[in-house]
Amino acid sequence: MGSRVYTERELSIVEFLAQGLSNAEIAQALHLSEGTVTSNPGCIMNKRGVRDRLPVLIDAVRTNHVTL
């Protein structure tokens, strides 16, 4: 996968995704719009060159950005 550098927002969203939160729950927790939260994983996936969230979560765990 591409660069493993996460922005602060990406890392926050990935952490909440790893906890199983919905986009609406993440938006509420981060005081963002649900649209922003919905589009952010897409941006992360594009940067990583993957088509779904699972490889992003696996990469975040492997690089110690997220713990399960």
C-alpha atoms as a PDB file:
ATOM      1  CA  MET A   1       0.000   0.000   0.000  1.00  0.00           C
ATOM      2  CA  GLY A   2       1.016   3.617  -0.367  1.00  0.00           C
ATOM      3  CA  SER A   3       2.366   5.941   2.259  1.00  0.00           C
ATOM      4  CA  ARG A   4       1.516   4.986   5.812  1.00  0.00           C
ATOM      5  CA  VAL A   5       1.416   8.547   7.096  1.00  0.00           C
ATOM      6  CA  TYR A   6      -1.992   9.447   8.489  1.00  0.00           C
ATOM      7  CA  THR A   7      -3.251  12.975   9.081  1.00  0.00           C
ATOM      8  CA  GLU A   8      -4.666  13.637  12.552  1.00  0.00           C
ATOM      9  CA  ARG A   9      -8.225  13.521  11.223  1.00  0.00           C
ATOM     10  CA  GLU A  10      -7.595  10.295   9.284  1.00  0.00           C
ATOM     11  CA  LEU A  11      -6.100   8.677  12.348  1.00  0.00           C
ATOM     12  CA  SER A  12      -9.045   9.729  14.510  1.00  0.00           C
ATOM     13  CA  ILE A  13     -11.513   8.331  11.999  1.00  0.00           C
ATOM     14  CA  VAL A  14      -9.548   5.084  11.567  1.00  0.00           C
ATOM     15  CA  GLU A  15      -9.447   4.656  15.357  1.00  0.00           C
ATOM     16  CA  PHE A  16     -13.233   5.006  15.562  1.00  0.00           C
ATOM     17  CA  LEU A  17     -13.729   2.689  12.576  1.00  0.00           C
ATOM     18  CA  ALA A  18     -11.623   0.086  14.367  1.00  0.00           C
ATOM     19  CA  GLN A  19     -13.994   0.373  17.327  1.00  0.00           C
ATOM     20  CA  GLY A  20     -16.916  -0.397  15.022  1.00  0.00           C
ATOM     21  CA  LEU A  21     -18.584   3.018  15.212  1.00  0.00           C
ATOM     22  CA  SER A  22     -20.919   4.110  12.425  1.00  0.00           C
ATOM     23  CA  ASN A  23     -20.238   7.212  10.357  1.00  0.00           C
ATOM     24  CA  ALA A  24     -22.960   9.053  12.293  1.00  0.00           C
ATOM     25  CA  GLU A  25     -21.397   8.086  15.643  1.00  0.00           C
ATOM     26  CA  ILE A  26     -17.931   9.148  14.458  1.00  0.00           C
ATOM     27  CA  ALA A  27     -19.302  12.458  13.192  1.00  0.00           C
ATOM     28  CA  GLN A  28     -20.917  13.143  16.540  1.00  0.00           C
ATOM     29  CA  ALA A  29     -17.766  12.211  18.477  1.00  0.00           C
ATOM     30  CA  LEU A  30     -15.512  14.402  16.319  1.00  0.00           C
ATOM     31  CA  HIS A  31     -18.006  17.247  15.886  1.00  0.00           C
ATOM     32  CA  LEU A  32     -17.946  16.842  12.097  1.00  0.00           C
ATOM     33  CA  SER A  33     -20.683  16.453   9.535  1.00  0.00           C
ATOM     34  CA  GLU A  34     -21.601  12.904   8.622  1.00  0.00           C
ATOM     35  CA  GLY A  35     -20.709  13.768   5.010  1.00  0.00           C
ATOM     36  CA  THR A  36     -17.157  14.651   6.046  1.00  0.00           C
ATOM     37  CA  VAL A  37     -16.796  11.385   7.928  1.00  0.00           C
ATOM     38  CA  THR A  38     -18.286   9.434   5.022  1.00  0.00           C
ATOM     39  CA  SER A  39     -15.856  10.928   2.499  1.00  0.00           C
ATOM     40  CA  ASN A  40     -12.743  10.658   4.676  1.00  0.00           C
ATOM     41  CA  PRO A  41     -12.363   6.846   4.541  1.00  0.00           C
ATOM     42  CA  GLY A  42     -12.641   7.157   0.753  1.00  0.00           C
ATOM     43  CA  CYS A  43      -9.747   9.598   0.732  1.00  0.00           C
ATOM     44  CA  ILE A  44      -7.730   7.285   2.961  1.00  0.00           C
ATOM     45  CA  MET A  45      -8.491   4.316   0.698  1.00  0.00           C
ATOM     46  CA  ASN A  46      -7.450   6.296  -2.397  1.00  0.00           C
ATOM     47  CA  LYS A  47      -4.173   7.298  -0.754  1.00  0.00           C
ATOM     48  CA  ARG A  48      -3.533   3.671   0.173  1.00  0.00           C
ATOM     49  CA  GLY A  49      -4.582   2.306  -3.225  1.00  0.00           C
ATOM     50  CA  VAL A  50      -7.225  -0.034  -1.799  1.00  0.00           C
ATOM     51  CA  ARG A  51     -10.950  -0.468  -2.453  1.00  0.00           C
ATOM     52  CA  ASP A  52     -12.371  -1.026   1.020  1.00  0.00           C
ATOM     53  CA  ARG A  53     -11.787  -0.190   4.664  1.00  0.00           C
ATOM     54  CA  LEU A  54     -10.381  -3.521   5.839  1.00  0.00           C
ATOM     55  CA  PRO A  55      -6.864  -3.068   4.392  1.00  0.00           C
ATOM     56  CA  VAL A  56      -6.772   0.425   5.900  1.00  0.00           C
ATOM     57  CA  LEU A  57      -7.644  -0.974   9.336  1.00  0.00           C
ATOM     58  CA  ILE A  58      -5.131  -3.823   8.978  1.00  0.00           C
ATOM     59  CA  ASP A  59      -2.401  -1.352   7.995  1.00  0.00           C
ATOM     60  CA  ALA A  60      -3.266   0.932  10.916  1.00  0.00           C
ATOM     61  CA  VAL A  61      -3.006  -1.980  13.351  1.00  0.00           C
ATOM     62  CA  ARG A  62       0.240  -3.285  11.855  1.00  0.00           C
ATOM     63  CA  THR A  63       1.850   0.155  12.068  1.00  0.00           C
ATOM     64  CA  ASN A  64       0.635   0.630  15.653  1.00  0.00           C
ATOM     65  CA  HIS A  65      -1.607   3.575  14.767  1.00  0.00           C
ATOM     66  CA  VAL A  66      -4.615   1.683  16.129  1.00  0.00           C
ATOM     67  CA  THR A  67      -5.005  -1.064  18.686  1.00  0.00           C
ATOM     68  CA  LEU A  68      -7.948  -3.410  18.767  1.00  0.00           C
END
